[in-house]
Amino acid sequence: MRMRLWTLRLLMLLVFPAISAGCYANYKRVLVMNFESATGANDADKLSIAVPEYIMTFMSGERGIVLLERQDINRFLEPVEGVELPKDSRLMQRRWKALGAWAGADYLIVGSVSKLDDNYTIVARLFSVEKGVVVPGSAVRESCRSEEEIFYQSQKVARAMTAHIHRRTYGTPLSPVE
């Protein structure tokens, strides 16, 4: 009896971690960055933080994607390797790559929100941390006429980003979780 119990414990200790690691082998770790306010409009400023949160909400139930928490990003955005980053400057691709590596991400979702007259526009791109470049063909642009519609446009952006990630991971986009 003791031998069976010991064998069962050993089996659980050795086999289950290997099985669970295999389940996450094809998962991609994604970090959604704060978006830039492309036009400097006050409405776009507040949306530059809200839109990434909406995108994370929509992507959180997707298969094959693990979203990384964004709370510590500001700590990283302090000077890296002696390169000072002015508050109003854009991140260069080498900084994106360093940020992604620091966070353990496979991909970053970067973008901007702008408001011109009565038109809001969200632009998002998928950045490959491994290759250090924006994934070709991954740019997504959605526009709307009111701030209330931004939520729905963010959902379209999230679906497009998810499809890009799935296409690169599995060779085909997966359908969303039901």
C-alpha atoms as a PDB file:
ATOM      1  CA  MET A   1       0.000   0.000   0.000  1.00  0.00           C
ATOM      2  CA  ARG A   2       2.793   2.417   0.919  1.00  0.00           C
ATOM      3  CA  MET A   3       4.603   1.574  -2.308  1.00  0.00           C
ATOM      4  CA  ARG A   4       1.524   2.436  -4.403  1.00  0.00           C
ATOM      5  CA  LEU A   5       1.060   5.732  -2.594  1.00  0.00           C
ATOM      6  CA  TRP A   6       4.726   6.608  -3.082  1.00  0.00           C
ATOM      7  CA  THR A   7       4.531   5.659  -6.760  1.00  0.00           C
ATOM      8  CA  LEU A   8       1.413   7.773  -7.238  1.00  0.00           C
ATOM      9  CA  ARG A   9       3.079  10.778  -5.586  1.00  0.00           C
ATOM     10  CA  LEU A  10       6.174  10.371  -7.749  1.00  0.00           C
ATOM     11  CA  LEU A  11       4.022  10.098 -10.866  1.00  0.00           C
ATOM     12  CA  MET A  12       2.143  13.286  -9.964  1.00  0.00           C
ATOM     13  CA  LEU A  13       5.386  15.103  -9.234  1.00  0.00           C
ATOM     14  CA  LEU A  14       7.038  14.148 -12.529  1.00  0.00           C
ATOM     15  CA  VAL A  15       4.253  13.758 -15.072  1.00  0.00           C
ATOM     16  CA  PHE A  16       1.751  16.513 -14.318  1.00  0.00           C
ATOM     17  CA  PRO A  17       4.230  19.414 -14.631  1.00  0.00           C
ATOM     18  CA  ALA A  18       5.343  18.016 -17.989  1.00  0.00           C
ATOM     19  CA  ILE A  19       1.742  17.762 -19.193  1.00  0.00           C
ATOM     20  CA  SER A  20       0.847  21.278 -18.071  1.00  0.00           C
ATOM     21  CA  ALA A  21       4.028  22.692 -19.646  1.00  0.00           C
ATOM     22  CA  GLY A  22       3.043  21.055 -22.930  1.00  0.00           C
ATOM     23  CA  CYS A  23      -0.390  22.666 -22.752  1.00  0.00           C
ATOM     24  CA  TYR A  24       1.199  26.130 -22.703  1.00  0.00           C
ATOM     25  CA  ALA A  25       3.922  25.423 -25.262  1.00  0.00           C
ATOM     26  CA  ASN A  26       2.096  27.183 -28.118  1.00  0.00           C
ATOM     27  CA  TYR A  27       0.774  30.062 -26.028  1.00  0.00           C
ATOM     28  CA  LYS A  28       2.063  33.493 -26.944  1.00  0.00           C
ATOM     29  CA  ARG A  29       2.704  36.075 -24.262  1.00  0.00           C
ATOM     30  CA  VAL A  30       1.318  39.451 -25.307  1.00  0.00           C
ATOM     31  CA  LEU A  31       1.846  42.866 -23.730  1.00  0.00           C
ATOM     32  CA  VAL A  32      -0.568  45.629 -24.786  1.00  0.00           C
ATOM     33  CA  MET A  33       1.180  48.980 -24.477  1.00  0.00           C
ATOM     34  CA  ASN A  34      -0.485  52.303 -23.719  1.00  0.00           C
ATOM     35  CA  PHE A  35      -1.363  53.877 -27.036  1.00  0.00           C
ATOM     36  CA  GLU A  36      -0.054  57.260 -28.113  1.00  0.00           C
ATOM     37  CA  SER A  37      -2.326  60.237 -28.479  1.00  0.00           C
ATOM     38  CA  ALA A  38      -1.454  60.997 -32.102  1.00  0.00           C
ATOM     39  CA  THR A  39      -3.139  64.401 -32.238  1.00  0.00           C
ATOM     40  CA  GLY A  40      -2.664  65.593 -28.663  1.00  0.00           C
ATOM     41  CA  ALA A  41      -6.411  66.143 -28.201  1.00  0.00           C
ATOM     42  CA  ASN A  42      -7.624  65.765 -24.610  1.00  0.00           C
ATOM     43  CA  ASP A  43     -10.245  63.204 -25.681  1.00  0.00           C
ATOM     44  CA  ALA A  44      -7.552  61.105 -27.349  1.00  0.00           C
ATOM     45  CA  ASP A  45      -5.272  61.385 -24.279  1.00  0.00           C
ATOM     46  CA  LYS A  46      -7.722  59.592 -22.001  1.00  0.00           C
ATOM     47  CA  LEU A  47      -8.523  57.050 -24.714  1.00  0.00           C
ATOM     48  CA  SER A  48      -4.829  56.235 -25.173  1.00  0.00           C
ATOM     49  CA  ILE A  49      -5.049  54.384 -21.840  1.00  0.00           C
ATOM     50  CA  ALA A  50      -8.659  53.159 -22.144  1.00  0.00           C
ATOM     51  CA  VAL A  51      -8.320  51.553 -25.597  1.00  0.00           C
ATOM     52  CA  PRO A  52      -5.491  49.172 -24.558  1.00  0.00           C
ATOM     53  CA  GLU A  53      -7.571  48.159 -21.528  1.00  0.00           C
ATOM     54  CA  TYR A  54     -10.539  47.424 -23.814  1.00  0.00           C
ATOM     55  CA  ILE A  55      -8.277  45.401 -26.114  1.00  0.00           C
ATOM     56  CA  MET A  56      -6.960  43.389 -23.157  1.00  0.00           C
ATOM     57  CA  THR A  57     -10.512  42.727 -21.991  1.00  0.00           C
ATOM     58  CA  PHE A  58     -11.497  41.328 -25.381  1.00  0.00           C
ATOM     59  CA  MET A  59      -8.308  39.276 -25.786  1.00  0.00           C
ATOM     60  CA  SER A  60      -8.355  37.805 -22.284  1.00  0.00           C
ATOM     61  CA  GLY A  61     -10.611  34.909 -23.291  1.00  0.00           C
ATOM     62  CA  GLU A  62      -8.750  34.003 -26.468  1.00  0.00           C
ATOM     63  CA  ARG A  63      -7.127  30.618 -26.915  1.00  0.00           C
ATOM     64  CA  GLY A  64      -3.380  30.507 -27.201  1.00  0.00           C
ATOM     65  CA  ILE A  65      -2.786  33.979 -25.743  1.00  0.00           C
ATOM     66  CA  VAL A  66      -1.484  34.885 -22.313  1.00  0.00           C
ATOM     67  CA  LEU A  67      -1.795  38.599 -21.559  1.00  0.00           C
ATOM     68  CA  LEU A  68       0.942  40.138 -19.444  1.00  0.00           C
ATOM     69  CA  GLU A  69       0.045  42.732 -16.845  1.00  0.00           C
ATOM     70  CA  ARG A  70       1.013  46.284 -17.752  1.00  0.00           C
ATOM     71  CA  GLN A  71       1.336  47.798 -14.291  1.00  0.00           C
ATOM     72  CA  ASP A  72       5.154  47.787 -14.159  1.00  0.00           C
ATOM     73  CA  ILE A  73       5.744  49.209 -17.637  1.00  0.00           C
ATOM     74  CA  ASN A  74       6.350  52.745 -16.362  1.00  0.00           C
ATOM     75  CA  ARG A  75       9.214  51.459 -14.224  1.00  0.00           C
ATOM     76  CA  PHE A  76      10.845  50.091 -17.338  1.00  0.00           C
ATOM     77  CA  LEU A  77      10.276  53.239 -19.365  1.00  0.00           C
ATOM     78  CA  GLU A  78      12.759  55.092 -17.174  1.00  0.00           C
ATOM     79  CA  PRO A  79      16.191  55.460 -18.780  1.00  0.00           C
ATOM     80  CA  VAL A  80      17.451  52.164 -20.186  1.00  0.00           C
ATOM     81  CA  GLU A  81      21.128  51.667 -20.968  1.00  0.00           C
ATOM     82  CA  GLY A  82      21.732  55.382 -20.503  1.00  0.00           C
ATOM     83  CA  VAL A  83      19.200  56.364 -23.183  1.00  0.00           C
ATOM     84  CA  GLU A  84      16.969  59.112 -21.788  1.00  0.00           C
ATOM     85  CA  LEU A  85      13.371  59.028 -22.998  1.00  0.00           C
ATOM     86  CA  PRO A  86      11.604  62.418 -23.128  1.00  0.00           C
ATOM     87  CA  LYS A  87       7.973  62.200 -22.014  1.00  0.00           C
ATOM     88  CA  ASP A  88       6.568  63.218 -25.413  1.00  0.00           C
ATOM     89  CA  SER A  89       8.804  61.005 -27.551  1.00  0.00           C
ATOM     90  CA  ARG A  90       7.862  57.772 -29.269  1.00  0.00           C
ATOM     91  CA  LEU A  91       9.500  54.508 -28.339  1.00  0.00           C
ATOM     92  CA  MET A  92      12.014  53.311 -30.882  1.00  0.00           C
ATOM     93  CA  GLN A  93      11.945  49.713 -32.002  1.00  0.00           C
ATOM     94  CA  ARG A  94      15.066  48.811 -30.011  1.00  0.00           C
ATOM     95  CA  ARG A  95      13.317  50.066 -26.862  1.00  0.00           C
ATOM     96  CA  TRP A  96      10.230  48.001 -27.741  1.00  0.00           C
ATOM     97  CA  LYS A  97      12.438  44.938 -28.126  1.00  0.00           C
ATOM     98  CA  ALA A  98      14.142  45.596 -24.768  1.00  0.00           C
ATOM     99  CA  LEU A  99      10.772  46.155 -23.087  1.00  0.00           C
ATOM    100  CA  GLY A 100       9.349  42.943 -24.549  1.00  0.00           C
ATOM    101  CA  ALA A 101      12.377  40.934 -23.460  1.00  0.00           C
ATOM    102  CA  TRP A 102      12.210  42.470 -19.970  1.00  0.00           C
ATOM    103  CA  ALA A 103       8.521  41.565 -19.669  1.00  0.00           C
ATOM    104  CA  GLY A 104       8.957  38.083 -21.179  1.00  0.00           C
ATOM    105  CA  ALA A 105       6.609  38.896 -24.071  1.00  0.00           C
ATOM    106  CA  ASP A 106       6.518  37.319 -27.507  1.00  0.00           C
ATOM    107  CA  TYR A 107       4.550  40.240 -28.935  1.00  0.00           C
ATOM    108  CA  LEU A 108       3.731  43.832 -28.053  1.00  0.00           C
ATOM    109  CA  ILE A 109       0.622  45.549 -29.334  1.00  0.00           C
ATOM    110  CA  VAL A 110       1.466  49.202 -29.969  1.00  0.00           C
ATOM    111  CA  GLY A 111      -0.599  51.942 -31.501  1.00  0.00           C
ATOM    112  CA  SER A 112      -2.252  55.314 -31.324  1.00  0.00           C
ATOM    113  CA  VAL A 113      -5.605  56.977 -30.837  1.00  0.00           C
ATOM    114  CA  SER A 114      -6.416  60.223 -32.604  1.00  0.00           C
ATOM    115  CA  LYS A 115      -9.295  62.635 -32.853  1.00  0.00           C
ATOM    116  CA  LEU A 116      -9.688  64.958 -35.818  1.00  0.00           C
ATOM    117  CA  ASP A 117     -12.880  66.990 -35.837  1.00  0.00           C
ATOM    118  CA  ASP A 118     -15.591  64.403 -35.051  1.00  0.00           C
ATOM    119  CA  ASN A 119     -13.605  61.381 -36.195  1.00  0.00           C
ATOM    120  CA  TYR A 120     -11.814  59.015 -33.807  1.00  0.00           C
ATOM    121  CA  THR A 121      -9.190  56.645 -35.211  1.00  0.00           C
ATOM    122  CA  ILE A 122      -7.436  53.699 -33.576  1.00  0.00           C
ATOM    123  CA  VAL A 123      -4.299  52.353 -35.231  1.00  0.00           C
ATOM    124  CA  ALA A 124      -2.617  49.235 -33.838  1.00  0.00           C
ATOM    125  CA  ARG A 125       0.400  47.175 -34.871  1.00  0.00           C
ATOM    126  CA  LEU A 126       1.850  43.873 -33.707  1.00  0.00           C
ATOM    127  CA  PHE A 127       5.526  44.023 -32.733  1.00  0.00           C
ATOM    128  CA  SER A 128       7.570  40.797 -32.698  1.00  0.00           C
ATOM    129  CA  VAL A 129       9.960  40.903 -29.745  1.00  0.00           C
ATOM    130  CA  GLU A 130      12.046  38.045 -31.141  1.00  0.00           C
ATOM    131  CA  LYS A 131      12.646  39.722 -34.506  1.00  0.00           C
ATOM    132  CA  GLY A 132      12.632  43.298 -33.204  1.00  0.00           C
ATOM    133  CA  VAL A 133      10.268  44.595 -35.890  1.00  0.00           C
ATOM    134  CA  VAL A 134       6.621  45.362 -36.485  1.00  0.00           C
ATOM    135  CA  VAL A 135       5.054  42.267 -38.045  1.00  0.00           C
ATOM    136  CA  PRO A 136       4.517  43.023 -41.752  1.00  0.00           C
ATOM    137  CA  GLY A 137       0.850  43.386 -42.636  1.00  0.00           C
ATOM    138  CA  SER A 138      -0.276  43.608 -39.010  1.00  0.00           C
ATOM    139  CA  ALA A 139      -1.409  47.235 -38.998  1.00  0.00           C
ATOM    140  CA  VAL A 140      -5.096  47.652 -38.191  1.00  0.00           C
ATOM    141  CA  ARG A 141      -7.065  50.882 -38.469  1.00  0.00           C
ATOM    142  CA  GLU A 142     -10.587  51.434 -37.170  1.00  0.00           C
ATOM    143  CA  SER A 143     -12.496  54.713 -37.166  1.00  0.00           C
ATOM    144  CA  CYS A 144     -15.754  55.982 -35.737  1.00  0.00           C
ATOM    145  CA  ARG A 145     -17.711  59.208 -35.308  1.00  0.00           C
ATOM    146  CA  SER A 146     -18.306  59.186 -31.552  1.00  0.00           C
ATOM    147  CA  GLU A 147     -16.429  58.347 -28.379  1.00  0.00           C
ATOM    148  CA  GLU A 148     -19.181  55.871 -27.448  1.00  0.00           C
ATOM    149  CA  GLU A 149     -18.260  53.732 -30.471  1.00  0.00           C
ATOM    150  CA  ILE A 150     -14.594  53.413 -29.423  1.00  0.00           C
ATOM    151  CA  PHE A 151     -15.429  50.381 -27.290  1.00  0.00           C
ATOM    152  CA  TYR A 152     -16.760  48.496 -30.331  1.00  0.00           C
ATOM    153  CA  GLN A 153     -13.884  49.599 -32.550  1.00  0.00           C
ATOM    154  CA  SER A 154     -11.454  48.350 -29.886  1.00  0.00           C
ATOM    155  CA  GLN A 155     -13.148  44.967 -30.094  1.00  0.00           C
ATOM    156  CA  LYS A 156     -12.474  44.846 -33.846  1.00  0.00           C
ATOM    157  CA  VAL A 157      -8.832  45.749 -33.234  1.00  0.00           C
ATOM    158  CA  ALA A 158      -8.543  42.999 -30.601  1.00  0.00           C
ATOM    159  CA  ARG A 159     -10.011  40.424 -32.998  1.00  0.00           C
ATOM    160  CA  ALA A 160      -7.586  41.467 -35.733  1.00  0.00           C
ATOM    161  CA  MET A 161      -4.568  41.300 -33.388  1.00  0.00           C
ATOM    162  CA  THR A 162      -5.707  37.888 -32.141  1.00  0.00           C
ATOM    163  CA  ALA A 163      -6.027  36.650 -35.736  1.00  0.00           C
ATOM    164  CA  HIS A 164      -2.487  37.864 -36.529  1.00  0.00           C
ATOM    165  CA  ILE A 165      -1.075  36.077 -33.484  1.00  0.00           C
ATOM    166  CA  HIS A 166      -2.973  32.864 -34.215  1.00  0.00           C
ATOM    167  CA  ARG A 167      -1.914  32.935 -37.860  1.00  0.00           C
ATOM    168  CA  ARG A 168       1.735  33.162 -36.818  1.00  0.00           C
ATOM    169  CA  THR A 169       1.381  30.529 -34.089  1.00  0.00           C
ATOM    170  CA  TYR A 170      -0.955  27.949 -35.632  1.00  0.00           C
ATOM    171  CA  GLY A 171      -0.887  28.834 -39.321  1.00  0.00           C
ATOM    172  CA  THR A 172      -4.556  29.853 -39.291  1.00  0.00           C
ATOM    173  CA  PRO A 173      -6.760  32.143 -37.246  1.00  0.00           C
ATOM    174  CA  LEU A 174      -8.708  30.332 -34.524  1.00  0.00           C
ATOM    175  CA  SER A 175     -12.315  31.105 -33.785  1.00  0.00           C
ATOM    176  CA  PRO A 176     -12.924  32.944 -30.519  1.00  0.00           C
ATOM    177  CA  VAL A 177     -13.782  31.084 -27.347  1.00  0.00           C
ATOM    178  CA  GLU A 178     -17.512  30.502 -27.154  1.00  0.00           C
END
